[in-house]
Amino acid sequence: MSRYGGGFSISAGTILLVILVVLLLLVLASCIKIVPQAQAFIVERLGGYQGTWDVGVHFKMPFIDRVAKRVNLKEQVVDFDPQPVITKDNVTMQIDTVVFFQITDPKLFTYGVENPIMAIENLTATTLRNIIGDMELDQTLTSRETINTKMRASLDVATDPWGIKVNRVELKNILPPAQIVDAMEKQMKAERERREAILKAEGEKKSLILVAEGKKQSAILDAEADKQAAILHAEAEKEKMIREAEGEAEAIRKVQSANAEGIRLIKEAGADQTVLALKSFEAMAKVADGKATKIIIPSELQNLSAAVKAVAEVAKD
């Protein structure tokens, strides 16, 4: 250190030492690597594979080690462009697919194939053509799940040497030729019209059934009303006849009771057989005044002459 004009100066050696320290710190910092979650680092030493680093802090040799590739271990989705395929009945259509895959072996993924995504796309197109080529158009349109399962199985086997696992394959769109689409639309329109006609006919049928059921129920109710009216009328007539009969019976009972009371009073007064016979004639006269056409006279009153004499004697007394 030297002083110039009252100040301090730094020697060249000191500056060089500071530079060396800074460079050393930078080199040491570059040797410390932190691998985040769901990733893996492929490390090469002098151009050759040295190892795979998982999540955590790692140290590498300066200048001779390097991180060759950072591999994403999350499930990834690739949407491929539509591919032309030909069905068994010679119909050309466009189908685009979506592939869900995950890297299971970072080393194989790094060194197995040059461009893994392009390789998967080409493999998907080839597999799709093979599967669709064995199916007719109608079967292709209605068998998406079957096609997805077959493609997933084929791709999973083919990509295993690349450290890739295919989890799922989905057919995103199936685009038949324009004339086929028009024919399908016409068929769907005819089917809708047929269903509409069936629903209309079913509605009219149900309406007729409801009308008939209504008329039936109305007739049943009318019949029930007439039946109840007839029953009530008969009940009323029956009640009337019963009450009339009861009235007549009560009247007869009262008449008979009065007659019995009269006879009892006569007997208590000491009347003889002649008076009783006379009372019997009076009773017979009342009976004769009725509506009966036949009168039965008791045997005690058959001797009319004797009765007349007895009446005469009573009159003289």
C-alpha atoms as a PDB file:
ATOM      1  CA  MET A   1       0.000   0.000   0.000  1.00  0.00           C
ATOM      2  CA  SER A   2       1.384   3.435  -0.872  1.00  0.00           C
ATOM      3  CA  ARG A   3       0.259   6.986  -0.111  1.00  0.00           C
ATOM      4  CA  TYR A   4      -0.220   9.514  -2.920  1.00  0.00           C
ATOM      5  CA  GLY A   5      -1.249  13.090  -2.154  1.00  0.00           C
ATOM      6  CA  GLY A   6      -2.419  12.262   1.362  1.00  0.00           C
ATOM      7  CA  GLY A   7      -4.596   9.271   0.221  1.00  0.00           C
ATOM      8  CA  PHE A   8      -4.335   5.514   0.165  1.00  0.00           C
ATOM      9  CA  SER A   9      -3.631   3.323  -2.864  1.00  0.00           C
ATOM     10  CA  ILE A  10      -4.327  -0.425  -3.346  1.00  0.00           C
ATOM     11  CA  SER A  11      -1.628  -2.530  -4.776  1.00  0.00           C
ATOM     12  CA  ALA A  12      -2.142  -4.690  -7.848  1.00  0.00           C
ATOM     13  CA  GLY A  13      -1.603  -7.835  -5.765  1.00  0.00           C
ATOM     14  CA  THR A  14      -4.488  -6.986  -3.492  1.00  0.00           C
ATOM     15  CA  ILE A  15      -6.805  -6.377  -6.423  1.00  0.00           C
ATOM     16  CA  LEU A  16      -5.811  -9.667  -7.974  1.00  0.00           C
ATOM     17  CA  LEU A  17      -6.453 -11.454  -4.693  1.00  0.00           C
ATOM     18  CA  VAL A  18      -9.939  -9.959  -4.426  1.00  0.00           C
ATOM     19  CA  ILE A  19     -10.722 -11.013  -7.979  1.00  0.00           C
ATOM     20  CA  LEU A  20      -9.555 -14.529  -7.269  1.00  0.00           C
ATOM     21  CA  VAL A  21     -11.703 -14.730  -4.127  1.00  0.00           C
ATOM     22  CA  VAL A  22     -14.774 -13.544  -6.032  1.00  0.00           C
ATOM     23  CA  LEU A  23     -14.144 -16.029  -8.804  1.00  0.00           C
ATOM     24  CA  LEU A  24     -13.709 -18.814  -6.265  1.00  0.00           C
ATOM     25  CA  LEU A  25     -16.986 -17.930  -4.604  1.00  0.00           C
ATOM     26  CA  LEU A  26     -18.773 -17.902  -7.948  1.00  0.00           C
ATOM     27  CA  VAL A  27     -17.332 -21.310  -8.833  1.00  0.00           C
ATOM     28  CA  LEU A  28     -18.359 -22.739  -5.479  1.00  0.00           C
ATOM     29  CA  ALA A  29     -21.859 -21.291  -5.885  1.00  0.00           C
ATOM     30  CA  SER A  30     -22.163 -22.852  -9.324  1.00  0.00           C
ATOM     31  CA  CYS A  31     -21.302 -26.220  -7.834  1.00  0.00           C
ATOM     32  CA  ILE A  32     -24.288 -26.122  -5.472  1.00  0.00           C
ATOM     33  CA  LYS A  33     -27.534 -27.248  -7.127  1.00  0.00           C
ATOM     34  CA  ILE A  34     -31.029 -27.493  -5.620  1.00  0.00           C
ATOM     35  CA  VAL A  35     -33.443 -29.859  -7.332  1.00  0.00           C
ATOM     36  CA  PRO A  36     -37.100 -28.747  -6.877  1.00  0.00           C
ATOM     37  CA  GLN A  37     -40.079 -31.014  -6.322  1.00  0.00           C
ATOM     38  CA  ALA A  38     -41.315 -33.156  -9.274  1.00  0.00           C
ATOM     39  CA  GLN A  39     -38.064 -32.700 -11.181  1.00  0.00           C
ATOM     40  CA  ALA A  40     -34.871 -34.669 -11.757  1.00  0.00           C
ATOM     41  CA  PHE A  41     -31.452 -33.540 -13.010  1.00  0.00           C
ATOM     42  CA  ILE A  42     -29.309 -35.643 -15.347  1.00  0.00           C
ATOM     43  CA  VAL A  43     -25.638 -35.001 -14.516  1.00  0.00           C
ATOM     44  CA  GLU A  44     -22.782 -35.797 -16.881  1.00  0.00           C
ATOM     45  CA  ARG A  45     -19.068 -35.911 -16.054  1.00  0.00           C
ATOM     46  CA  LEU A  46     -16.710 -35.255 -18.902  1.00  0.00           C
ATOM     47  CA  GLY A  47     -19.496 -35.997 -21.375  1.00  0.00           C
ATOM     48  CA  GLY A  48     -20.632 -39.288 -19.845  1.00  0.00           C
ATOM     49  CA  TYR A  49     -23.641 -40.070 -17.667  1.00  0.00           C
ATOM     50  CA  GLN A  50     -22.704 -39.583 -14.031  1.00  0.00           C
ATOM     51  CA  GLY A  51     -26.039 -39.823 -12.182  1.00  0.00           C
ATOM     52  CA  THR A  52     -29.593 -38.632 -11.621  1.00  0.00           C
ATOM     53  CA  TRP A  53     -30.256 -36.093  -8.914  1.00  0.00           C
ATOM     54  CA  ASP A  54     -33.543 -36.218  -7.034  1.00  0.00           C
ATOM     55  CA  VAL A  55     -35.189 -33.513  -4.911  1.00  0.00           C
ATOM     56  CA  GLY A  56     -32.747 -31.749  -2.553  1.00  0.00           C
ATOM     57  CA  VAL A  57     -29.323 -30.062  -2.429  1.00  0.00           C
ATOM     58  CA  HIS A  58     -26.504 -31.519  -4.535  1.00  0.00           C
ATOM     59  CA  PHE A  59     -22.854 -30.632  -5.224  1.00  0.00           C
ATOM     60  CA  LYS A  60     -20.995 -31.168  -8.472  1.00  0.00           C
ATOM     61  CA  MET A  61     -17.366 -31.089  -9.407  1.00  0.00           C
ATOM     62  CA  PRO A  62     -16.461 -27.782 -10.994  1.00  0.00           C
ATOM     63  CA  PHE A  63     -15.574 -27.744 -14.667  1.00  0.00           C
ATOM     64  CA  ILE A  64     -15.922 -31.515 -15.121  1.00  0.00           C
ATOM     65  CA  ASP A  65     -19.551 -32.054 -14.076  1.00  0.00           C
ATOM     66  CA  ARG A  66     -22.564 -30.442 -15.716  1.00  0.00           C
ATOM     67  CA  VAL A  67     -26.335 -30.712 -15.588  1.00  0.00           C
ATOM     68  CA  ALA A  68     -27.174 -32.183 -18.983  1.00  0.00           C
ATOM     69  CA  LYS A  69     -30.990 -32.136 -18.695  1.00  0.00           C
ATOM     70  CA  ARG A  70     -33.743 -31.073 -16.331  1.00  0.00           C
ATOM     71  CA  VAL A  71     -36.554 -33.615 -16.478  1.00  0.00           C
ATOM     72  CA  ASN A  72     -40.147 -32.803 -15.484  1.00  0.00           C
ATOM     73  CA  LEU A  73     -41.694 -35.740 -13.612  1.00  0.00           C
ATOM     74  CA  LYS A  74     -45.274 -34.372 -13.580  1.00  0.00           C
ATOM     75  CA  GLU A  75     -47.986 -35.878 -15.763  1.00  0.00           C
ATOM     76  CA  GLN A  76     -47.948 -34.078 -19.089  1.00  0.00           C
ATOM     77  CA  VAL A  77     -50.600 -33.612 -21.759  1.00  0.00           C
ATOM     78  CA  VAL A  78     -49.923 -33.450 -25.482  1.00  0.00           C
ATOM     79  CA  ASP A  79     -52.623 -32.519 -27.976  1.00  0.00           C
ATOM     80  CA  PHE A  80     -51.725 -33.781 -31.446  1.00  0.00           C
ATOM     81  CA  ASP A  81     -53.077 -32.385 -34.705  1.00  0.00           C
ATOM     82  CA  PRO A  82     -55.769 -34.353 -36.603  1.00  0.00           C
ATOM     83  CA  GLN A  83     -54.447 -37.374 -38.447  1.00  0.00           C
ATOM     84  CA  PRO A  84     -56.038 -38.811 -41.625  1.00  0.00           C
ATOM     85  CA  VAL A  85     -57.130 -42.430 -41.155  1.00  0.00           C
ATOM     86  CA  ILE A  86     -59.044 -44.871 -43.374  1.00  0.00           C
ATOM     87  CA  THR A  87     -61.709 -47.204 -42.009  1.00  0.00           C
ATOM     88  CA  LYS A  88     -62.313 -50.784 -43.071  1.00  0.00           C
ATOM     89  CA  ASP A  89     -65.092 -49.657 -45.426  1.00  0.00           C
ATOM     90  CA  ASN A  90     -62.749 -47.143 -47.114  1.00  0.00           C
ATOM     91  CA  VAL A  91     -63.972 -43.947 -45.460  1.00  0.00           C
ATOM     92  CA  THR A  92     -61.288 -41.333 -44.804  1.00  0.00           C
ATOM     93  CA  MET A  93     -61.711 -39.283 -41.638  1.00  0.00           C
ATOM     94  CA  GLN A  94     -59.658 -36.925 -39.498  1.00  0.00           C
ATOM     95  CA  ILE A  95     -58.999 -37.863 -35.850  1.00  0.00           C
ATOM     96  CA  ASP A  96     -57.044 -35.835 -33.328  1.00  0.00           C
ATOM     97  CA  THR A  97     -55.866 -37.373 -30.078  1.00  0.00           C
ATOM     98  CA  VAL A  98     -54.797 -36.261 -26.624  1.00  0.00           C
ATOM     99  CA  VAL A  99     -52.096 -38.259 -24.825  1.00  0.00           C
ATOM    100  CA  PHE A 100     -51.473 -38.124 -21.071  1.00  0.00           C
ATOM    101  CA  PHE A 101     -48.009 -39.402 -20.175  1.00  0.00           C
ATOM    102  CA  GLN A 102     -45.466 -39.264 -17.354  1.00  0.00           C
ATOM    103  CA  ILE A 103     -41.697 -39.736 -17.286  1.00  0.00           C
ATOM    104  CA  THR A 104     -40.774 -42.617 -15.017  1.00  0.00           C
ATOM    105  CA  ASP A 105     -37.063 -42.998 -15.866  1.00  0.00           C
ATOM    106  CA  PRO A 106     -35.216 -39.698 -16.487  1.00  0.00           C
ATOM    107  CA  LYS A 107     -32.103 -41.478 -17.788  1.00  0.00           C
ATOM    108  CA  LEU A 108     -33.982 -43.456 -20.444  1.00  0.00           C
ATOM    109  CA  PHE A 109     -35.989 -40.358 -21.339  1.00  0.00           C
ATOM    110  CA  THR A 110     -32.762 -38.380 -21.852  1.00  0.00           C
ATOM    111  CA  TYR A 111     -30.810 -40.965 -23.796  1.00  0.00           C
ATOM    112  CA  GLY A 112     -33.518 -43.225 -25.211  1.00  0.00           C
ATOM    113  CA  VAL A 113     -34.854 -41.163 -28.108  1.00  0.00           C
ATOM    114  CA  GLU A 114     -33.810 -37.907 -29.727  1.00  0.00           C
ATOM    115  CA  ASN A 115     -37.207 -36.144 -29.626  1.00  0.00           C
ATOM    116  CA  PRO A 116     -39.616 -37.983 -27.316  1.00  0.00           C
ATOM    117  CA  ILE A 117     -42.697 -35.822 -28.078  1.00  0.00           C
ATOM    118  CA  MET A 118     -42.298 -36.216 -31.838  1.00  0.00           C
ATOM    119  CA  ALA A 119     -41.726 -39.929 -31.355  1.00  0.00           C
ATOM    120  CA  ILE A 120     -44.952 -40.229 -29.339  1.00  0.00           C
ATOM    121  CA  GLU A 121     -46.876 -38.271 -31.987  1.00  0.00           C
ATOM    122  CA  ASN A 122     -45.699 -40.512 -34.827  1.00  0.00           C
ATOM    123  CA  LEU A 123     -46.314 -43.625 -32.779  1.00  0.00           C
ATOM    124  CA  THR A 124     -49.822 -42.404 -31.944  1.00  0.00           C
ATOM    125  CA  ALA A 125     -50.654 -41.785 -35.614  1.00  0.00           C
ATOM    126  CA  THR A 126     -49.391 -45.226 -36.636  1.00  0.00           C
ATOM    127  CA  THR A 127     -51.243 -47.027 -33.873  1.00  0.00           C
ATOM    128  CA  LEU A 128     -54.449 -45.123 -34.630  1.00  0.00           C
ATOM    129  CA  ARG A 129     -54.312 -46.059 -38.311  1.00  0.00           C
ATOM    130  CA  ASN A 130     -53.831 -49.727 -37.442  1.00  0.00           C
ATOM    131  CA  ILE A 131     -56.785 -49.787 -35.062  1.00  0.00           C
ATOM    132  CA  ILE A 132     -59.194 -47.788 -37.245  1.00  0.00           C
ATOM    133  CA  GLY A 133     -58.226 -49.840 -40.295  1.00  0.00           C
ATOM    134  CA  ASP A 134     -59.861 -52.896 -38.728  1.00  0.00           C
ATOM    135  CA  MET A 135     -63.133 -51.085 -37.942  1.00  0.00           C
ATOM    136  CA  GLU A 136     -66.012 -49.803 -40.062  1.00  0.00           C
ATOM    137  CA  LEU A 137     -67.312 -46.226 -39.885  1.00  0.00           C
ATOM    138  CA  ASP A 138     -70.333 -46.927 -37.652  1.00  0.00           C
ATOM    139  CA  GLN A 139     -68.219 -48.992 -35.276  1.00  0.00           C
ATOM    140  CA  THR A 140     -65.591 -46.246 -35.154  1.00  0.00           C
ATOM    141  CA  LEU A 141     -68.139 -43.606 -34.166  1.00  0.00           C
ATOM    142  CA  THR A 142     -69.574 -45.742 -31.366  1.00  0.00           C
ATOM    143  CA  SER A 143     -66.413 -47.361 -29.983  1.00  0.00           C
ATOM    144  CA  ARG A 144     -64.340 -44.490 -28.627  1.00  0.00           C
ATOM    145  CA  GLU A 145     -63.703 -46.192 -25.302  1.00  0.00           C
ATOM    146  CA  THR A 146     -62.486 -49.356 -27.032  1.00  0.00           C
ATOM    147  CA  ILE A 147     -60.160 -47.361 -29.295  1.00  0.00           C
ATOM    148  CA  ASN A 148     -58.800 -45.372 -26.336  1.00  0.00           C
ATOM    149  CA  THR A 149     -58.032 -48.557 -24.393  1.00  0.00           C
ATOM    150  CA  LYS A 150     -56.263 -50.227 -27.321  1.00  0.00           C
ATOM    151  CA  MET A 151     -54.177 -47.149 -28.070  1.00  0.00           C
ATOM    152  CA  ARG A 152     -53.137 -46.684 -24.446  1.00  0.00           C
ATOM    153  CA  ALA A 153     -52.001 -50.304 -24.198  1.00  0.00           C
ATOM    154  CA  SER A 154     -50.003 -50.125 -27.462  1.00  0.00           C
ATOM    155  CA  LEU A 155     -48.379 -46.781 -26.673  1.00  0.00           C
ATOM    156  CA  ASP A 156     -47.508 -47.789 -23.125  1.00  0.00           C
ATOM    157  CA  VAL A 157     -45.609 -50.836 -24.364  1.00  0.00           C
ATOM    158  CA  ALA A 158     -43.859 -48.912 -27.141  1.00  0.00           C
ATOM    159  CA  THR A 159     -42.760 -45.984 -24.951  1.00  0.00           C
ATOM    160  CA  ASP A 160     -41.513 -48.070 -22.028  1.00  0.00           C
ATOM    161  CA  PRO A 161     -37.923 -48.228 -23.418  1.00  0.00           C
ATOM    162  CA  TRP A 162     -37.941 -44.417 -23.469  1.00  0.00           C
ATOM    163  CA  GLY A 163     -38.744 -44.137 -19.749  1.00  0.00           C
ATOM    164  CA  ILE A 164     -42.280 -42.902 -20.517  1.00  0.00           C
ATOM    165  CA  LYS A 165     -45.549 -44.284 -19.163  1.00  0.00           C
ATOM    166  CA  VAL A 166     -48.719 -43.499 -21.118  1.00  0.00           C
ATOM    167  CA  ASN A 167     -51.528 -43.108 -18.580  1.00  0.00           C
ATOM    168  CA  ARG A 168     -54.426 -42.280 -20.870  1.00  0.00           C
ATOM    169  CA  VAL A 169     -55.293 -41.663 -24.523  1.00  0.00           C
ATOM    170  CA  GLU A 170     -58.429 -39.824 -25.614  1.00  0.00           C
ATOM    171  CA  LEU A 171     -59.906 -39.309 -29.072  1.00  0.00           C
ATOM    172  CA  LYS A 172     -60.670 -35.606 -29.022  1.00  0.00           C
ATOM    173  CA  ASN A 173     -62.552 -35.312 -32.327  1.00  0.00           C
ATOM    174  CA  ILE A 174     -63.648 -37.685 -35.077  1.00  0.00           C
ATOM    175  CA  LEU A 175     -64.347 -35.795 -38.295  1.00  0.00           C
ATOM    176  CA  PRO A 176     -65.901 -37.878 -41.118  1.00  0.00           C
ATOM    177  CA  PRO A 177     -66.082 -36.499 -44.697  1.00  0.00           C
ATOM    178  CA  ALA A 178     -68.600 -33.739 -45.428  1.00  0.00           C
ATOM    179  CA  GLN A 179     -70.966 -36.018 -47.375  1.00  0.00           C
ATOM    180  CA  ILE A 180     -70.980 -38.501 -44.511  1.00  0.00           C
ATOM    181  CA  VAL A 181     -71.723 -35.690 -42.058  1.00  0.00           C
ATOM    182  CA  ASP A 182     -74.645 -34.508 -44.247  1.00  0.00           C
ATOM    183  CA  ALA A 183     -76.043 -38.035 -44.445  1.00  0.00           C
ATOM    184  CA  MET A 184     -75.721 -38.429 -40.687  1.00  0.00           C
ATOM    185  CA  GLU A 185     -77.475 -35.106 -40.090  1.00  0.00           C
ATOM    186  CA  LYS A 186     -80.344 -36.141 -42.382  1.00  0.00           C
ATOM    187  CA  GLN A 187     -80.599 -39.472 -40.586  1.00  0.00           C
ATOM    188  CA  MET A 188     -80.635 -37.735 -37.206  1.00  0.00           C
ATOM    189  CA  LYS A 189     -83.313 -35.313 -38.468  1.00  0.00           C
ATOM    190  CA  ALA A 190     -85.461 -38.211 -39.677  1.00  0.00           C
ATOM    191  CA  GLU A 191     -84.980 -39.950 -36.352  1.00  0.00           C
ATOM    192  CA  ARG A 192     -86.041 -36.810 -34.465  1.00  0.00           C
ATOM    193  CA  GLU A 193     -89.131 -36.465 -36.652  1.00  0.00           C
ATOM    194  CA  ARG A 194     -89.972 -40.137 -36.108  1.00  0.00           C
ATOM    195  CA  ARG A 195     -89.670 -39.743 -32.350  1.00  0.00           C
ATOM    196  CA  GLU A 196     -91.758 -36.577 -32.481  1.00  0.00           C
ATOM    197  CA  ALA A 197     -94.498 -38.423 -34.402  1.00  0.00           C
ATOM    198  CA  ILE A 198     -94.382 -41.275 -31.899  1.00  0.00           C
ATOM    199  CA  LEU A 199     -94.622 -38.874 -28.968  1.00  0.00           C
ATOM    200  CA  LYS A 200     -97.520 -37.048 -30.650  1.00  0.00           C
ATOM    201  CA  ALA A 201     -99.350 -40.318 -31.275  1.00  0.00           C
ATOM    202  CA  GLU A 202     -98.721 -41.388 -27.695  1.00  0.00           C
ATOM    203  CA  GLY A 203    -100.094 -38.057 -26.486  1.00  0.00           C
ATOM    204  CA  GLU A 204    -103.250 -38.397 -28.588  1.00  0.00           C
ATOM    205  CA  LYS A 205    -103.692 -41.967 -27.390  1.00  0.00           C
ATOM    206  CA  LYS A 206    -103.372 -40.914 -23.755  1.00  0.00           C
ATOM    207  CA  SER A 207    -105.803 -38.058 -24.384  1.00  0.00           C
ATOM    208  CA  LEU A 208    -108.402 -40.457 -25.807  1.00  0.00           C
ATOM    209  CA  ILE A 209    -107.871 -42.816 -22.924  1.00  0.00           C
ATOM    210  CA  LEU A 210    -108.354 -39.985 -20.449  1.00  0.00           C
ATOM    211  CA  VAL A 211    -111.554 -38.872 -22.202  1.00  0.00           C
ATOM    212  CA  ALA A 212    -112.892 -42.428 -22.197  1.00  0.00           C
ATOM    213  CA  GLU A 213    -111.955 -42.840 -18.548  1.00  0.00           C
ATOM    214  CA  GLY A 214    -113.732 -39.564 -17.779  1.00  0.00           C
ATOM    215  CA  LYS A 215    -116.904 -40.700 -19.537  1.00  0.00           C
ATOM    216  CA  LYS A 216    -116.687 -44.057 -17.799  1.00  0.00           C
ATOM    217  CA  GLN A 217    -116.298 -42.439 -14.412  1.00  0.00           C
ATOM    218  CA  SER A 218    -119.173 -40.057 -15.194  1.00  0.00           C
ATOM    219  CA  ALA A 219    -121.445 -42.985 -16.145  1.00  0.00           C
ATOM    220  CA  ILE A 220    -120.426 -44.849 -13.004  1.00  0.00           C
ATOM    221  CA  LEU A 221    -121.184 -41.813 -10.856  1.00  0.00           C
ATOM    222  CA  ASP A 222    -124.547 -41.321 -12.574  1.00  0.00           C
ATOM    223  CA  ALA A 223    -125.426 -44.977 -12.019  1.00  0.00           C
ATOM    224  CA  GLU A 224    -124.333 -44.749  -8.408  1.00  0.00           C
ATOM    225  CA  ALA A 225    -126.477 -41.621  -7.980  1.00  0.00           C
ATOM    226  CA  ASP A 226    -129.533 -43.359  -9.512  1.00  0.00           C
ATOM    227  CA  LYS A 227    -128.899 -46.375  -7.325  1.00  0.00           C
ATOM    228  CA  GLN A 228    -128.659 -44.267  -4.196  1.00  0.00           C
ATOM    229  CA  ALA A 229    -131.791 -42.359  -5.189  1.00  0.00           C
ATOM    230  CA  ALA A 230    -133.713 -45.620  -5.731  1.00  0.00           C
ATOM    231  CA  ILE A 231    -132.461 -46.974  -2.411  1.00  0.00           C
ATOM    232  CA  LEU A 232    -133.470 -43.805  -0.601  1.00  0.00           C
ATOM    233  CA  HIS A 233    -136.889 -43.844  -2.294  1.00  0.00           C
ATOM    234  CA  ALA A 234    -137.424 -47.488  -1.337  1.00  0.00           C
ATOM    235  CA  GLU A 235    -136.270 -46.762   2.188  1.00  0.00           C
ATOM    236  CA  ALA A 236    -138.741 -43.867   2.365  1.00  0.00           C
ATOM    237  CA  GLU A 237    -141.620 -46.021   1.066  1.00  0.00           C
ATOM    238  CA  LYS A 238    -140.695 -48.752   3.486  1.00  0.00           C
ATOM    239  CA  GLU A 239    -140.560 -46.291   6.375  1.00  0.00           C
ATOM    240  CA  LYS A 240    -143.948 -44.852   5.315  1.00  0.00           C
ATOM    241  CA  MET A 241    -145.586 -48.291   5.166  1.00  0.00           C
ATOM    242  CA  ILE A 242    -144.069 -49.251   8.507  1.00  0.00           C
ATOM    243  CA  ARG A 243    -145.346 -46.077  10.106  1.00  0.00           C
ATOM    244  CA  GLU A 244    -148.838 -46.549   8.570  1.00  0.00           C
ATOM    245  CA  ALA A 245    -148.930 -50.161   9.758  1.00  0.00           C
ATOM    246  CA  GLU A 246    -147.751 -49.124  13.182  1.00  0.00           C
ATOM    247  CA  GLY A 247    -150.494 -46.437  13.256  1.00  0.00           C
ATOM    248  CA  GLU A 248    -153.193 -48.890  12.230  1.00  0.00           C
ATOM    249  CA  ALA A 249    -151.929 -51.424  14.754  1.00  0.00           C
ATOM    250  CA  GLU A 250    -151.908 -48.779  17.441  1.00  0.00           C
ATOM    251  CA  ALA A 251    -155.476 -47.776  16.513  1.00  0.00           C
ATOM    252  CA  ILE A 252    -156.619 -51.399  16.666  1.00  0.00           C
ATOM    253  CA  ARG A 253    -154.912 -51.853  19.987  1.00  0.00           C
ATOM    254  CA  LYS A 254    -156.655 -48.765  21.362  1.00  0.00           C
ATOM    255  CA  VAL A 255    -160.082 -49.936  20.045  1.00  0.00           C
ATOM    256  CA  GLN A 256    -159.583 -53.390  21.457  1.00  0.00           C
ATOM    257  CA  SER A 257    -158.407 -51.899  24.718  1.00  0.00           C
ATOM    258  CA  ALA A 258    -161.512 -49.699  24.866  1.00  0.00           C
ATOM    259  CA  ASN A 259    -163.760 -52.694  24.110  1.00  0.00           C
ATOM    260  CA  ALA A 260    -162.027 -54.746  26.744  1.00  0.00           C
ATOM    261  CA  GLU A 261    -162.433 -51.924  29.233  1.00  0.00           C
ATOM    262  CA  GLY A 262    -166.146 -51.660  28.399  1.00  0.00           C
ATOM    263  CA  ILE A 263    -166.674 -55.380  28.829  1.00  0.00           C
ATOM    264  CA  ARG A 264    -164.803 -55.256  32.112  1.00  0.00           C
ATOM    265  CA  LEU A 265    -167.072 -52.446  33.349  1.00  0.00           C
ATOM    266  CA  ILE A 266    -170.168 -54.347  32.223  1.00  0.00           C
ATOM    267  CA  LYS A 267    -169.059 -57.435  34.068  1.00  0.00           C
ATOM    268  CA  GLU A 268    -168.351 -55.386  37.167  1.00  0.00           C
ATOM    269  CA  ALA A 269    -171.885 -53.972  36.856  1.00  0.00           C
ATOM    270  CA  GLY A 270    -173.303 -57.537  36.939  1.00  0.00           C
ATOM    271  CA  ALA A 271    -174.546 -57.697  33.308  1.00  0.00           C
ATOM    272  CA  ASP A 272    -175.829 -61.100  32.180  1.00  0.00           C
ATOM    273  CA  GLN A 273    -175.240 -62.938  28.914  1.00  0.00           C
ATOM    274  CA  THR A 274    -178.014 -61.019  27.178  1.00  0.00           C
ATOM    275  CA  VAL A 275    -176.231 -57.687  27.620  1.00  0.00           C
ATOM    276  CA  LEU A 276    -172.991 -59.224  26.444  1.00  0.00           C
ATOM    277  CA  ALA A 277    -174.709 -60.506  23.353  1.00  0.00           C
ATOM    278  CA  LEU A 278    -176.076 -57.053  22.671  1.00  0.00           C
ATOM    279  CA  LYS A 279    -172.599 -55.593  22.914  1.00  0.00           C
ATOM    280  CA  SER A 280    -171.427 -58.229  20.542  1.00  0.00           C
ATOM    281  CA  PHE A 281    -174.053 -57.080  18.052  1.00  0.00           C
ATOM    282  CA  GLU A 282    -172.806 -53.541  18.365  1.00  0.00           C
ATOM    283  CA  ALA A 283    -169.285 -54.669  17.677  1.00  0.00           C
ATOM    284  CA  MET A 284    -170.487 -56.666  14.693  1.00  0.00           C
ATOM    285  CA  ALA A 285    -172.274 -53.599  13.386  1.00  0.00           C
ATOM    286  CA  LYS A 286    -169.030 -51.622  13.499  1.00  0.00           C
ATOM    287  CA  VAL A 287    -167.221 -54.414  11.731  1.00  0.00           C
ATOM    288  CA  ALA A 288    -169.897 -54.494   9.069  1.00  0.00           C
ATOM    289  CA  ASP A 289    -169.404 -50.809   8.441  1.00  0.00           C
ATOM    290  CA  GLY A 290    -165.832 -51.574   7.285  1.00  0.00           C
ATOM    291  CA  LYS A 291    -164.528 -52.671   3.914  1.00  0.00           C
ATOM    292  CA  ALA A 292    -164.605 -56.415   4.615  1.00  0.00           C
ATOM    293  CA  THR A 293    -166.779 -58.448   2.225  1.00  0.00           C
ATOM    294  CA  LYS A 294    -166.996 -61.541   4.435  1.00  0.00           C
ATOM    295  CA  ILE A 295    -168.032 -61.507   8.087  1.00  0.00           C
ATOM    296  CA  ILE A 296    -167.655 -64.553  10.306  1.00  0.00           C
ATOM    297  CA  ILE A 297    -170.272 -64.644  13.079  1.00  0.00           C
ATOM    298  CA  PRO A 298    -169.350 -66.481  16.248  1.00  0.00           C
ATOM    299  CA  SER A 299    -171.288 -69.594  17.143  1.00  0.00           C
ATOM    300  CA  GLU A 300    -172.610 -67.961  20.310  1.00  0.00           C
ATOM    301  CA  LEU A 301    -174.566 -65.452  18.191  1.00  0.00           C
ATOM    302  CA  GLN A 302    -176.076 -67.898  15.703  1.00  0.00           C
ATOM    303  CA  ASN A 303    -179.339 -68.257  17.592  1.00  0.00           C
ATOM    304  CA  LEU A 304    -180.760 -64.900  16.556  1.00  0.00           C
ATOM    305  CA  SER A 305    -184.252 -65.493  17.858  1.00  0.00           C
ATOM    306  CA  ALA A 306    -183.052 -66.164  21.346  1.00  0.00           C
ATOM    307  CA  ALA A 307    -181.001 -63.047  21.263  1.00  0.00           C
ATOM    308  CA  VAL A 308    -183.909 -60.926  20.076  1.00  0.00           C
ATOM    309  CA  LYS A 309    -186.146 -62.173  22.877  1.00  0.00           C
ATOM    310  CA  ALA A 310    -183.470 -61.476  25.381  1.00  0.00           C
ATOM    311  CA  VAL A 311    -183.152 -57.955  24.070  1.00  0.00           C
ATOM    312  CA  ALA A 312    -186.868 -57.438  24.287  1.00  0.00           C
ATOM    313  CA  GLU A 313    -186.991 -58.565  27.892  1.00  0.00           C
ATOM    314  CA  VAL A 314    -184.183 -56.271  28.757  1.00  0.00           C
ATOM    315  CA  ALA A 315    -186.038 -53.430  27.084  1.00  0.00           C
ATOM    316  CA  LYS A 316    -189.182 -54.101  29.141  1.00  0.00           C
ATOM    317  CA  ASP A 317    -187.174 -54.036  32.339  1.00  0.00           C
END
